[in-house]
Amino acid sequence: MEERINEMRTLSQVMEKLRLKRHDIEFKKDEGAFVTGNGKLYQPEDLTIIKTYRFEGESDPSDSSILYVIEANDGLTGYSIDAYGVYSNHEQDYDEFIRKIKILDRDEQLLFSLE
């Protein structure tokens, strides 16, 4: 298991795996909800965080980010990405919104391994 955890060390590796699995739809915060390219609005109760990836910049704290793999109640799986703390590129209500989303305690790392 430890080998698999270390396989995806970069944001670009995870993004590529999401793309290959067709889970590369971005959930963006807008109008008090998450929206996707199809224009559908998702509230926190419509979503589940199934995996969280944290990336820390080795030399620059502004390179630190977090990627949430999110599954909607209609079966759509995608992601939302943010920078850590003061480097966040979202408004404060993004943090409040993301905290309201249920987190499912399952290991999605196997689904996104690079094998």
PDB file of N, CA and C in Angstrom:
ATOM      1  N   MET A   1       0.827  -1.200   0.000  1.00  0.00           N
ATOM      2  CA  MET A   1       0.000   0.000   0.000  1.00  0.00           C
ATOM      3  C   MET A   1       0.867   1.258   0.000  1.00  0.00           C
ATOM      4  N   GLU A   2       1.948   1.257   0.745  1.00  0.00           N
ATOM      5  CA  GLU A   2       2.811   2.430   0.818  1.00  0.00           C
ATOM      6  C   GLU A   2       3.339   2.821  -0.563  1.00  0.00           C
ATOM      7  N   GLU A   3       3.673   1.846  -1.400  1.00  0.00           N
ATOM      8  CA  GLU A   3       4.142   2.145  -2.746  1.00  0.00           C
ATOM      9  C   GLU A   3       3.107   2.932  -3.527  1.00  0.00           C
ATOM     10  N   ARG A   4       1.866   2.520  -3.444  1.00  0.00           N
ATOM     11  CA  ARG A   4       0.814   3.185  -4.207  1.00  0.00           C
ATOM     12  C   ARG A   4       0.586   4.607  -3.748  1.00  0.00           C
ATOM     13  N   ILE A   5       0.682   4.836  -2.460  1.00  0.00           N
ATOM     14  CA  ILE A   5       0.487   6.192  -1.947  1.00  0.00           C
ATOM     15  C   ILE A   5       1.540   7.122  -2.528  1.00  0.00           C
ATOM     16  N   ASN A   6       2.755   6.637  -2.679  1.00  0.00           N
ATOM     17  CA  ASN A   6       3.832   7.482  -3.169  1.00  0.00           C
ATOM     18  C   ASN A   6       3.854   7.620  -4.684  1.00  0.00           C
ATOM     19  N   GLU A   7       3.036   6.863  -5.396  1.00  0.00           N
ATOM     20  CA  GLU A   7       3.056   6.899  -6.849  1.00  0.00           C
ATOM     21  C   GLU A   7       2.639   8.252  -7.415  1.00  0.00           C
ATOM     22  N   MET A   8       1.691   8.900  -6.782  1.00  0.00           N
ATOM     23  CA  MET A   8       1.201  10.172  -7.313  1.00  0.00           C
ATOM     24  C   MET A   8       1.614  11.284  -6.370  1.00  0.00           C
ATOM     25  N   ARG A   9       2.738  11.873  -6.681  1.00  0.00           N
ATOM     26  CA  ARG A   9       3.298  12.901  -5.818  1.00  0.00           C
ATOM     27  C   ARG A   9       2.981  14.302  -6.298  1.00  0.00           C
ATOM     28  N   THR A  10       2.562  14.424  -7.532  1.00  0.00           N
ATOM     29  CA  THR A  10       2.343  15.771  -8.062  1.00  0.00           C
ATOM     30  C   THR A  10       0.891  15.980  -8.469  1.00  0.00           C
ATOM     31  N   LEU A  11       0.513  17.226  -8.462  1.00  0.00           N
ATOM     32  CA  LEU A  11      -0.827  17.600  -8.888  1.00  0.00           C
ATOM     33  C   LEU A  11      -1.068  17.179 -10.338  1.00  0.00           C
ATOM     34  N   SER A  12      -0.075  17.363 -11.187  1.00  0.00           N
ATOM     35  CA  SER A  12      -0.258  17.008 -12.600  1.00  0.00           C
ATOM     36  C   SER A  12      -0.479  15.508 -12.779  1.00  0.00           C
ATOM     37  N   GLN A  13       0.144  14.661 -11.961  1.00  0.00           N
ATOM     38  CA  GLN A  13      -0.083  13.217 -12.051  1.00  0.00           C
ATOM     39  C   GLN A  13      -1.525  12.872 -11.689  1.00  0.00           C
ATOM     40  N   VAL A  14      -2.030  13.470 -10.634  1.00  0.00           N
ATOM     41  CA  VAL A  14      -3.409  13.209 -10.219  1.00  0.00           C
ATOM     42  C   VAL A  14      -4.380  13.740 -11.270  1.00  0.00           C
ATOM     43  N   MET A  15      -4.124  14.937 -11.782  1.00  0.00           N
ATOM     44  CA  MET A  15      -5.005  15.512 -12.805  1.00  0.00           C
ATOM     45  C   MET A  15      -5.039  14.632 -14.052  1.00  0.00           C
ATOM     46  N   GLU A  16      -3.905  14.085 -14.435  1.00  0.00           N
ATOM     47  CA  GLU A  16      -3.865  13.211 -15.606  1.00  0.00           C
ATOM     48  C   GLU A  16      -4.660  11.930 -15.352  1.00  0.00           C
ATOM     49  N   LYS A  17      -4.540  11.356 -14.166  1.00  0.00           N
ATOM     50  CA  LYS A  17      -5.294  10.147 -13.844  1.00  0.00           C
ATOM     51  C   LYS A  17      -6.792  10.456 -13.840  1.00  0.00           C
ATOM     52  N   LEU A  18      -7.182  11.591 -13.316  1.00  0.00           N
ATOM     53  CA  LEU A  18      -8.596  11.981 -13.351  1.00  0.00           C
ATOM     54  C   LEU A  18      -9.075  12.123 -14.797  1.00  0.00           C
ATOM     55  N   ARG A  19      -8.245  12.720 -15.641  1.00  0.00           N
ATOM     56  CA  ARG A  19      -8.608  12.886 -17.049  1.00  0.00           C
ATOM     57  C   ARG A  19      -8.798  11.529 -17.732  1.00  0.00           C
ATOM     58  N   LEU A  20      -7.873  10.615 -17.492  1.00  0.00           N
ATOM     59  CA  LEU A  20      -7.963   9.292 -18.114  1.00  0.00           C
ATOM     60  C   LEU A  20      -9.203   8.532 -17.665  1.00  0.00           C
ATOM     61  N   LYS A  21      -9.633   8.765 -16.432  1.00  0.00           N
ATOM     62  CA  LYS A  21     -10.815   8.091 -15.906  1.00  0.00           C
ATOM     63  C   LYS A  21     -12.092   8.886 -16.179  1.00  0.00           C
ATOM     64  N   ARG A  22     -11.951   9.985 -16.923  1.00  0.00           N
ATOM     65  CA  ARG A  22     -13.073  10.870 -17.246  1.00  0.00           C
ATOM     66  C   ARG A  22     -13.745  11.447 -15.998  1.00  0.00           C
ATOM     67  N   HIS A  23     -12.913  11.734 -15.017  1.00  0.00           N
ATOM     68  CA  HIS A  23     -13.363  12.384 -13.792  1.00  0.00           C
ATOM     69  C   HIS A  23     -12.747  13.782 -13.705  1.00  0.00           C
ATOM     70  N   ASP A  24     -12.559  14.412 -14.849  1.00  0.00           N
ATOM     71  CA  ASP A  24     -11.857  15.690 -14.876  1.00  0.00           C
ATOM     72  C   ASP A  24     -12.794  16.893 -15.017  1.00  0.00           C
ATOM     73  N   ILE A  25     -14.018  16.738 -14.557  1.00  0.00           N
ATOM     74  CA  ILE A  25     -14.970  17.845 -14.532  1.00  0.00           C
ATOM     75  C   ILE A  25     -14.680  18.688 -13.288  1.00  0.00           C
ATOM     76  N   GLU A  26     -14.491  19.972 -13.477  1.00  0.00           N
ATOM     77  CA  GLU A  26     -14.192  20.837 -12.334  1.00  0.00           C
ATOM     78  C   GLU A  26     -15.480  21.374 -11.722  1.00  0.00           C
ATOM     79  N   PHE A  27     -15.589  21.203 -10.411  1.00  0.00           N
ATOM     80  CA  PHE A  27     -16.660  21.826  -9.648  1.00  0.00           C
ATOM     81  C   PHE A  27     -16.156  23.207  -9.244  1.00  0.00           C
ATOM     82  N   LYS A  28     -16.844  24.254  -9.709  1.00  0.00           N
ATOM     83  CA  LYS A  28     -16.457  25.633  -9.403  1.00  0.00           C
ATOM     84  C   LYS A  28     -17.515  26.270  -8.528  1.00  0.00           C
ATOM     85  N   LYS A  29     -17.075  27.075  -7.584  1.00  0.00           N
ATOM     86  CA  LYS A  29     -17.992  27.757  -6.674  1.00  0.00           C
ATOM     87  C   LYS A  29     -18.565  28.970  -7.381  1.00  0.00           C
ATOM     88  N   ASP A  30     -19.907  29.021  -7.461  1.00  0.00           N
ATOM     89  CA  ASP A  30     -20.586  30.140  -8.103  1.00  0.00           C
ATOM     90  C   ASP A  30     -22.043  30.157  -7.648  1.00  0.00           C
ATOM     91  N   GLU A  31     -22.565  31.315  -7.458  1.00  0.00           N
ATOM     92  CA  GLU A  31     -23.981  31.477  -7.101  1.00  0.00           C
ATOM     93  C   GLU A  31     -24.380  30.664  -5.870  1.00  0.00           C
ATOM     94  N   GLY A  32     -23.496  30.554  -4.877  1.00  0.00           N
ATOM     95  CA  GLY A  32     -23.814  29.846  -3.648  1.00  0.00           C
ATOM     96  C   GLY A  32     -23.828  28.341  -3.773  1.00  0.00           C
ATOM     97  N   ALA A  33     -23.274  27.807  -4.880  1.00  0.00           N
ATOM     98  CA  ALA A  33     -23.255  26.362  -5.104  1.00  0.00           C
ATOM     99  C   ALA A  33     -22.020  26.016  -5.924  1.00  0.00           C
ATOM    100  N   PHE A  34     -21.776  24.733  -6.104  1.00  0.00           N
ATOM    101  CA  PHE A  34     -20.781  24.289  -7.071  1.00  0.00           C
ATOM    102  C   PHE A  34     -21.492  24.124  -8.405  1.00  0.00           C
ATOM    103  N   VAL A  35     -20.840  24.551  -9.466  1.00  0.00           N
ATOM    104  CA  VAL A  35     -21.379  24.375 -10.810  1.00  0.00           C
ATOM    105  C   VAL A  35     -20.343  23.641 -11.653  1.00  0.00           C
ATOM    106  N   THR A  36     -20.823  22.980 -12.689  1.00  0.00           N
ATOM    107  CA  THR A  36     -19.950  22.302 -13.639  1.00  0.00           C
ATOM    108  C   THR A  36     -20.236  22.857 -15.021  1.00  0.00           C
ATOM    109  N   GLY A  37     -19.541  22.360 -16.016  1.00  0.00           N
ATOM    110  CA  GLY A  37     -19.723  22.831 -17.383  1.00  0.00           C
ATOM    111  C   GLY A  37     -21.132  22.648 -17.917  1.00  0.00           C
ATOM    112  N   ASN A  38     -21.890  21.707 -17.325  1.00  0.00           N
ATOM    113  CA  ASN A  38     -23.259  21.483 -17.799  1.00  0.00           C
ATOM    114  C   ASN A  38     -24.254  22.480 -17.214  1.00  0.00           C
ATOM    115  N   GLY A  39     -23.772  23.373 -16.339  1.00  0.00           N
ATOM    116  CA  GLY A  39     -24.617  24.405 -15.770  1.00  0.00           C
ATOM    117  C   GLY A  39     -25.442  23.969 -14.574  1.00  0.00           C
ATOM    118  N   LYS A  40     -25.360  22.705 -14.190  1.00  0.00           N
ATOM    119  CA  LYS A  40     -26.125  22.217 -13.052  1.00  0.00           C
ATOM    120  C   LYS A  40     -25.513  22.735 -11.748  1.00  0.00           C
ATOM    121  N   LEU A  41     -26.381  23.123 -10.808  1.00  0.00           N
ATOM    122  CA  LEU A  41     -25.941  23.597  -9.499  1.00  0.00           C
ATOM    123  C   LEU A  41     -25.976  22.459  -8.496  1.00  0.00           C
ATOM    124  N   TYR A  42     -24.924  22.348  -7.703  1.00  0.00           N
ATOM    125  CA  TYR A  42     -24.835  21.316  -6.666  1.00  0.00           C
ATOM    126  C   TYR A  42     -24.656  21.976  -5.309  1.00  0.00           C
ATOM    127  N   GLN A  43     -25.501  21.604  -4.365  1.00  0.00           N
ATOM    128  CA  GLN A  43     -25.399  22.051  -2.987  1.00  0.00           C
ATOM    129  C   GLN A  43     -24.565  21.023  -2.207  1.00  0.00           C
ATOM    130  N   PRO A  44     -24.049  21.380  -1.026  1.00  0.00           N
ATOM    131  CA  PRO A  44     -23.230  20.438  -0.262  1.00  0.00           C
ATOM    132  C   PRO A  44     -23.901  19.080  -0.042  1.00  0.00           C
ATOM    133  N   GLU A  45     -25.213  19.074   0.178  1.00  0.00           N
ATOM    134  CA  GLU A  45     -25.916  17.815   0.428  1.00  0.00           C
ATOM    135  C   GLU A  45     -26.003  16.935  -0.823  1.00  0.00           C
ATOM    136  N   ASP A  46     -25.677  17.496  -1.984  1.00  0.00           N
ATOM    137  CA  ASP A  46     -25.675  16.743  -3.243  1.00  0.00           C
ATOM    138  C   ASP A  46     -24.323  16.085  -3.525  1.00  0.00           C
ATOM    139  N   LEU A  47     -23.331  16.364  -2.685  1.00  0.00           N
ATOM    140  CA  LEU A  47     -21.951  15.996  -2.967  1.00  0.00           C
ATOM    141  C   LEU A  47     -21.317  15.171  -1.854  1.00  0.00           C
ATOM    142  N   THR A  48     -20.293  14.405  -2.231  1.00  0.00           N
ATOM    143  CA  THR A  48     -19.482  13.658  -1.270  1.00  0.00           C
ATOM    144  C   THR A  48     -18.025  13.780  -1.696  1.00  0.00           C
ATOM    145  N   ILE A  49     -17.166  14.122  -0.755  1.00  0.00           N
ATOM    146  CA  ILE A  49     -15.726  14.117  -1.023  1.00  0.00           C
ATOM    147  C   ILE A  49     -15.259  12.678  -0.850  1.00  0.00           C
ATOM    148  N   ILE A  50     -14.719  12.087  -1.934  1.00  0.00           N
ATOM    149  CA  ILE A  50     -14.303  10.686  -1.860  1.00  0.00           C
ATOM    150  C   ILE A  50     -12.792  10.531  -1.720  1.00  0.00           C
ATOM    151  N   LYS A  51     -12.043  11.603  -1.954  1.00  0.00           N
ATOM    152  CA  LYS A  51     -10.598  11.556  -1.763  1.00  0.00           C
ATOM    153  C   LYS A  51     -10.070  12.973  -1.700  1.00  0.00           C
ATOM    154  N   THR A  52      -9.042  13.159  -0.895  1.00  0.00           N
ATOM    155  CA  THR A  52      -8.378  14.444  -0.782  1.00  0.00           C
ATOM    156  C   THR A  52      -6.889  14.239  -1.034  1.00  0.00           C
ATOM    157  N   TYR A  53      -6.321  15.050  -1.889  1.00  0.00           N
ATOM    158  CA  TYR A  53      -4.884  15.025  -2.151  1.00  0.00           C
ATOM    159  C   TYR A  53      -4.310  16.370  -1.739  1.00  0.00           C
ATOM    160  N   ARG A  54      -3.240  16.335  -0.970  1.00  0.00           N
ATOM    161  CA  ARG A  54      -2.560  17.557  -0.554  1.00  0.00           C
ATOM    162  C   ARG A  54      -1.181  17.588  -1.196  1.00  0.00           C
ATOM    163  N   PHE A  55      -0.829  18.749  -1.713  1.00  0.00           N
ATOM    164  CA  PHE A  55       0.460  18.925  -2.364  1.00  0.00           C
ATOM    165  C   PHE A  55       1.140  20.121  -1.727  1.00  0.00           C
ATOM    166  N   GLU A  56       2.402  19.936  -1.340  1.00  0.00           N
ATOM    167  CA  GLU A  56       3.142  21.012  -0.700  1.00  0.00           C
ATOM    168  C   GLU A  56       4.341  21.374  -1.552  1.00  0.00           C
ATOM    169  N   GLY A  57       4.446  22.670  -1.857  1.00  0.00           N
ATOM    170  CA  GLY A  57       5.587  23.149  -2.626  1.00  0.00           C
ATOM    171  C   GLY A  57       6.857  23.012  -1.825  1.00  0.00           C
ATOM    172  N   GLU A  58       7.882  22.461  -2.443  1.00  0.00           N
ATOM    173  CA  GLU A  58       9.130  22.223  -1.716  1.00  0.00           C
ATOM    174  C   GLU A  58       9.848  23.512  -1.352  1.00  0.00           C
ATOM    175  N   SER A  59       9.812  24.498  -2.233  1.00  0.00           N
ATOM    176  CA  SER A  59      10.552  25.722  -1.958  1.00  0.00           C
ATOM    177  C   SER A  59       9.671  26.956  -1.828  1.00  0.00           C
ATOM    178  N   ASP A  60       8.425  26.858  -2.248  1.00  0.00           N
ATOM    179  CA  ASP A  60       7.543  28.022  -2.257  1.00  0.00           C
ATOM    180  C   ASP A  60       6.186  27.640  -1.667  1.00  0.00           C
ATOM    181  N   PRO A  61       5.838  28.183  -0.499  1.00  0.00           N
ATOM    182  CA  PRO A  61       4.548  27.853   0.112  1.00  0.00           C
ATOM    183  C   PRO A  61       3.346  28.154  -0.767  1.00  0.00           C
ATOM    184  N   SER A  62       3.500  29.087  -1.720  1.00  0.00           N
ATOM    185  CA  SER A  62       2.369  29.395  -2.591  1.00  0.00           C
ATOM    186  C   SER A  62       2.088  28.271  -3.579  1.00  0.00           C
ATOM    187  N   ASP A  63       2.987  27.280  -3.678  1.00  0.00           N
ATOM    188  CA  ASP A  63       2.753  26.113  -4.529  1.00  0.00           C
ATOM    189  C   ASP A  63       1.905  25.054  -3.836  1.00  0.00           C
ATOM    190  N   SER A  64       1.583  25.255  -2.575  1.00  0.00           N
ATOM    191  CA  SER A  64       0.807  24.282  -1.825  1.00  0.00           C
ATOM    192  C   SER A  64      -0.661  24.338  -2.225  1.00  0.00           C
ATOM    193  N   SER A  65      -1.243  23.146  -2.446  1.00  0.00           N
ATOM    194  CA  SER A  65      -2.639  23.101  -2.864  1.00  0.00           C
ATOM    195  C   SER A  65      -3.299  21.826  -2.366  1.00  0.00           C
ATOM    196  N   ILE A  66      -4.610  21.821  -2.471  1.00  0.00           N
ATOM    197  CA  ILE A  66      -5.396  20.660  -2.099  1.00  0.00           C
ATOM    198  C   ILE A  66      -6.379  20.378  -3.225  1.00  0.00           C
ATOM    199  N   LEU A  67      -6.529  19.103  -3.554  1.00  0.00           N
ATOM    200  CA  LEU A  67      -7.460  18.694  -4.581  1.00  0.00           C
ATOM    201  C   LEU A  67      -8.468  17.752  -3.941  1.00  0.00           C
ATOM    202  N   TYR A  68      -9.732  18.082  -4.091  1.00  0.00           N
ATOM    203  CA  TYR A  68     -10.819  17.240  -3.592  1.00  0.00           C
ATOM    204  C   TYR A  68     -11.413  16.483  -4.771  1.00  0.00           C
ATOM    205  N   VAL A  69     -11.459  15.150  -4.683  1.00  0.00           N
ATOM    206  CA  VAL A  69     -12.196  14.364  -5.665  1.00  0.00           C
ATOM    207  C   VAL A  69     -13.612  14.255  -5.123  1.00  0.00           C
ATOM    208  N   ILE A  70     -14.580  14.706  -5.916  1.00  0.00           N
ATOM    209  CA  ILE A  70     -15.961  14.857  -5.450  1.00  0.00           C
ATOM    210  C   ILE A  70     -16.900  14.038  -6.328  1.00  0.00           C
ATOM    211  N   GLU A  71     -17.829  13.373  -5.673  1.00  0.00           N
ATOM    212  CA  GLU A  71     -18.859  12.611  -6.380  1.00  0.00           C
ATOM    213  C   GLU A  71     -20.215  13.241  -6.076  1.00  0.00           C
ATOM    214  N   ALA A  72     -20.985  13.526  -7.121  1.00  0.00           N
ATOM    215  CA  ALA A  72     -22.319  14.103  -6.962  1.00  0.00           C
ATOM    216  C   ALA A  72     -23.353  12.985  -6.852  1.00  0.00           C
ATOM    217  N   ASN A  73     -24.505  13.310  -6.310  1.00  0.00           N
ATOM    218  CA  ASN A  73     -25.558  12.311  -6.138  1.00  0.00           C
ATOM    219  C   ASN A  73     -26.132  11.820  -7.469  1.00  0.00           C
ATOM    220  N   ASP A  74     -25.804  12.488  -8.581  1.00  0.00           N
ATOM    221  CA  ASP A  74     -26.250  12.019  -9.896  1.00  0.00           C
ATOM    222  C   ASP A  74     -25.188  11.165 -10.591  1.00  0.00           C
ATOM    223  N   GLY A  75     -24.098  10.829  -9.860  1.00  0.00           N
ATOM    224  CA  GLY A  75     -23.057   9.965 -10.393  1.00  0.00           C
ATOM    225  C   GLY A  75     -21.868  10.685 -11.008  1.00  0.00           C
ATOM    226  N   LEU A  76     -21.966  11.994 -11.207  1.00  0.00           N
ATOM    227  CA  LEU A  76     -20.860  12.755 -11.769  1.00  0.00           C
ATOM    228  C   LEU A  76     -19.701  12.784 -10.773  1.00  0.00           C
ATOM    229  N   THR A  77     -18.499  12.471 -11.245  1.00  0.00           N
ATOM    230  CA  THR A  77     -17.304  12.551 -10.408  1.00  0.00           C
ATOM    231  C   THR A  77     -16.367  13.564 -11.034  1.00  0.00           C
ATOM    232  N   GLY A  78     -15.868  14.463 -10.212  1.00  0.00           N
ATOM    233  CA  GLY A  78     -14.963  15.501 -10.675  1.00  0.00           C
ATOM    234  C   GLY A  78     -14.077  15.953  -9.545  1.00  0.00           C
ATOM    235  N   TYR A  79     -13.653  17.205  -9.603  1.00  0.00           N
ATOM    236  CA  TYR A  79     -12.709  17.702  -8.608  1.00  0.00           C
ATOM    237  C   TYR A  79     -12.929  19.184  -8.341  1.00  0.00           C
ATOM    238  N   SER A  80     -12.371  19.615  -7.225  1.00  0.00           N
ATOM    239  CA  SER A  80     -12.242  21.030  -6.921  1.00  0.00           C
ATOM    240  C   SER A  80     -10.843  21.200  -6.346  1.00  0.00           C
ATOM    241  N   ILE A  81     -10.191  22.262  -6.713  1.00  0.00           N
ATOM    242  CA  ILE A  81      -8.813  22.481  -6.273  1.00  0.00           C
ATOM    243  C   ILE A  81      -8.690  23.858  -5.654  1.00  0.00           C
ATOM    244  N   ASP A  82      -7.853  23.941  -4.627  1.00  0.00           N
ATOM    245  CA  ASP A  82      -7.638  25.201  -3.930  1.00  0.00           C
ATOM    246  C   ASP A  82      -6.220  25.232  -3.397  1.00  0.00           C
ATOM    247  N   ALA A  83      -5.725  26.428  -3.182  1.00  0.00           N
ATOM    248  CA  ALA A  83      -4.431  26.607  -2.521  1.00  0.00           C
ATOM    249  C   ALA A  83      -4.664  26.612  -1.018  1.00  0.00           C
ATOM    250  N   TYR A  84      -3.628  26.341  -0.246  1.00  0.00           N
ATOM    251  CA  TYR A  84      -3.732  26.346   1.213  1.00  0.00           C
ATOM    252  C   TYR A  84      -3.860  27.758   1.772  1.00  0.00           C
ATOM    253  N   GLY A  85      -4.613  27.861   2.838  1.00  0.00           N
ATOM    254  CA  GLY A  85      -4.642  29.034   3.708  1.00  0.00           C
ATOM    255  C   GLY A  85      -4.673  30.372   3.028  1.00  0.00           C
ATOM    256  N   VAL A  86      -3.692  31.226   3.369  1.00  0.00           N
ATOM    257  CA  VAL A  86      -3.684  32.598   2.869  1.00  0.00           C
ATOM    258  C   VAL A  86      -3.469  32.673   1.365  1.00  0.00           C
ATOM    259  N   TYR A  87      -3.005  31.583   0.760  1.00  0.00           N
ATOM    260  CA  TYR A  87      -2.782  31.563  -0.677  1.00  0.00           C
ATOM    261  C   TYR A  87      -4.013  31.094  -1.443  1.00  0.00           C
ATOM    262  N   SER A  88      -5.103  30.870  -0.723  1.00  0.00           N
ATOM    263  CA  SER A  88      -6.329  30.388  -1.347  1.00  0.00           C
ATOM    264  C   SER A  88      -6.755  31.318  -2.477  1.00  0.00           C
ATOM    265  N   ASN A  89      -7.199  30.707  -3.573  1.00  0.00           N
ATOM    266  CA  ASN A  89      -7.643  31.517  -4.702  1.00  0.00           C
ATOM    267  C   ASN A  89      -9.167  31.593  -4.775  1.00  0.00           C
ATOM    268  N   HIS A  90      -9.830  31.221  -3.690  1.00  0.00           N
ATOM    269  CA  HIS A  90     -11.281  31.279  -3.617  1.00  0.00           C
ATOM    270  C   HIS A  90     -11.700  32.259  -2.529  1.00  0.00           C
ATOM    271  N   GLU A  91     -12.938  32.702  -2.623  1.00  0.00           N
ATOM    272  CA  GLU A  91     -13.472  33.570  -1.575  1.00  0.00           C
ATOM    273  C   GLU A  91     -13.709  32.752  -0.314  1.00  0.00           C
ATOM    274  N   GLN A  92     -13.901  33.430   0.808  1.00  0.00           N
ATOM    275  CA  GLN A  92     -14.062  32.767   2.095  1.00  0.00           C
ATOM    276  C   GLN A  92     -15.242  31.794   2.094  1.00  0.00           C
ATOM    277  N   ASP A  93     -16.298  32.094   1.357  1.00  0.00           N
ATOM    278  CA  ASP A  93     -17.450  31.197   1.366  1.00  0.00           C
ATOM    279  C   ASP A  93     -17.136  29.842   0.728  1.00  0.00           C
ATOM    280  N   TYR A  94     -16.062  29.741  -0.059  1.00  0.00           N
ATOM    281  CA  TYR A  94     -15.631  28.443  -0.599  1.00  0.00           C
ATOM    282  C   TYR A  94     -15.266  27.501   0.544  1.00  0.00           C
ATOM    283  N   ASP A  95     -14.470  27.994   1.488  1.00  0.00           N
ATOM    284  CA  ASP A  95     -14.067  27.170   2.629  1.00  0.00           C
ATOM    285  C   ASP A  95     -15.279  26.719   3.441  1.00  0.00           C
ATOM    286  N   GLU A  96     -16.205  27.619   3.659  1.00  0.00           N
ATOM    287  CA  GLU A  96     -17.421  27.271   4.401  1.00  0.00           C
ATOM    288  C   GLU A  96     -18.231  26.229   3.638  1.00  0.00           C
ATOM    289  N   PHE A  97     -18.317  26.379   2.327  1.00  0.00           N
ATOM    290  CA  PHE A  97     -19.071  25.459   1.483  1.00  0.00           C
ATOM    291  C   PHE A  97     -18.432  24.063   1.508  1.00  0.00           C
ATOM    292  N   ILE A  98     -17.126  23.993   1.308  1.00  0.00           N
ATOM    293  CA  ILE A  98     -16.447  22.704   1.219  1.00  0.00           C
ATOM    294  C   ILE A  98     -16.532  21.949   2.550  1.00  0.00           C
ATOM    295  N   ARG A  99     -16.559  22.667   3.661  1.00  0.00           N
ATOM    296  CA  ARG A  99     -16.677  22.022   4.979  1.00  0.00           C
ATOM    297  C   ARG A  99     -18.040  21.376   5.194  1.00  0.00           C
ATOM    298  N   LYS A 100     -19.043  21.811   4.451  1.00  0.00           N
ATOM    299  CA  LYS A 100     -20.386  21.252   4.590  1.00  0.00           C
ATOM    300  C   LYS A 100     -20.573  19.958   3.797  1.00  0.00           C
ATOM    301  N   ILE A 101     -19.618  19.641   2.907  1.00  0.00           N
ATOM    302  CA  ILE A 101     -19.736  18.443   2.078  1.00  0.00           C
ATOM    303  C   ILE A 101     -19.329  17.217   2.887  1.00  0.00           C
ATOM    304  N   LYS A 102     -20.147  16.188   2.793  1.00  0.00           N
ATOM    305  CA  LYS A 102     -19.870  14.934   3.493  1.00  0.00           C
ATOM    306  C   LYS A 102     -18.578  14.331   2.949  1.00  0.00           C
ATOM    307  N   ILE A 103     -17.780  13.761   3.858  1.00  0.00           N
ATOM    308  CA  ILE A 103     -16.551  13.077   3.472  1.00  0.00           C
ATOM    309  C   ILE A 103     -16.760  11.591   3.672  1.00  0.00           C
ATOM    310  N   LEU A 104     -16.607  10.846   2.606  1.00  0.00           N
ATOM    311  CA  LEU A 104     -16.761   9.399   2.670  1.00  0.00           C
ATOM    312  C   LEU A 104     -15.421   8.785   3.015  1.00  0.00           C
ATOM    313  N   ASP A 105     -15.393   7.954   4.013  1.00  0.00           N
ATOM    314  CA  ASP A 105     -14.149   7.346   4.459  1.00  0.00           C
ATOM    315  C   ASP A 105     -13.888   6.073   3.666  1.00  0.00           C
ATOM    316  N   ARG A 106     -13.411   6.254   2.430  1.00  0.00           N
ATOM    317  CA  ARG A 106     -13.015   5.104   1.634  1.00  0.00           C
ATOM    318  C   ARG A 106     -11.728   5.447   0.903  1.00  0.00           C
ATOM    319  N   ASP A 107     -10.950   4.442   0.604  1.00  0.00           N
ATOM    320  CA  ASP A 107      -9.653   4.680   0.002  1.00  0.00           C
ATOM    321  C   ASP A 107      -9.761   4.671  -1.512  1.00  0.00           C
ATOM    322  N   GLU A 108      -9.801   5.859  -2.099  1.00  0.00           N
ATOM    323  CA  GLU A 108      -9.871   5.973  -3.553  1.00  0.00           C
ATOM    324  C   GLU A 108      -8.492   5.919  -4.184  1.00  0.00           C
ATOM    325  N   GLN A 109      -7.442   5.868  -3.367  1.00  0.00           N
ATOM    326  CA  GLN A 109      -6.088   5.860  -3.914  1.00  0.00           C
ATOM    327  C   GLN A 109      -5.909   4.726  -4.919  1.00  0.00           C
ATOM    328  N   LEU A 110      -6.487   3.568  -4.656  1.00  0.00           N
ATOM    329  CA  LEU A 110      -6.348   2.441  -5.565  1.00  0.00           C
ATOM    330  C   LEU A 110      -6.980   2.734  -6.923  1.00  0.00           C
ATOM    331  N   LEU A 111      -8.078   3.452  -6.918  1.00  0.00           N
ATOM    332  CA  LEU A 111      -8.738   3.794  -8.176  1.00  0.00           C
ATOM    333  C   LEU A 111      -7.892   4.734  -9.028  1.00  0.00           C
ATOM    334  N   PHE A 112      -7.051   5.514  -8.387  1.00  0.00           N
ATOM    335  CA  PHE A 112      -6.271   6.511  -9.101  1.00  0.00           C
ATOM    336  C   PHE A 112      -4.791   6.173  -9.157  1.00  0.00           C
ATOM    337  N   SER A 113      -4.455   4.900  -8.932  1.00  0.00           N
ATOM    338  CA  SER A 113      -3.048   4.525  -9.016  1.00  0.00           C
ATOM    339  C   SER A 113      -2.565   4.655 -10.461  1.00  0.00           C
ATOM    340  N   LEU A 114      -1.279   4.771 -10.637  1.00  0.00           N
ATOM    341  CA  LEU A 114      -0.719   4.982 -11.969  1.00  0.00           C
ATOM    342  C   LEU A 114      -0.419   3.679 -12.696  1.00  0.00           C
ATOM    343  N   GLU A 115      -0.776   2.559 -12.144  1.00  0.00           N
ATOM    344  CA  GLU A 115      -0.496   1.267 -12.789  1.00  0.00           C
ATOM    345  C   GLU A 115      -1.321   1.103 -14.045  1.00  0.00           C
TER     346      GLU A 115
END
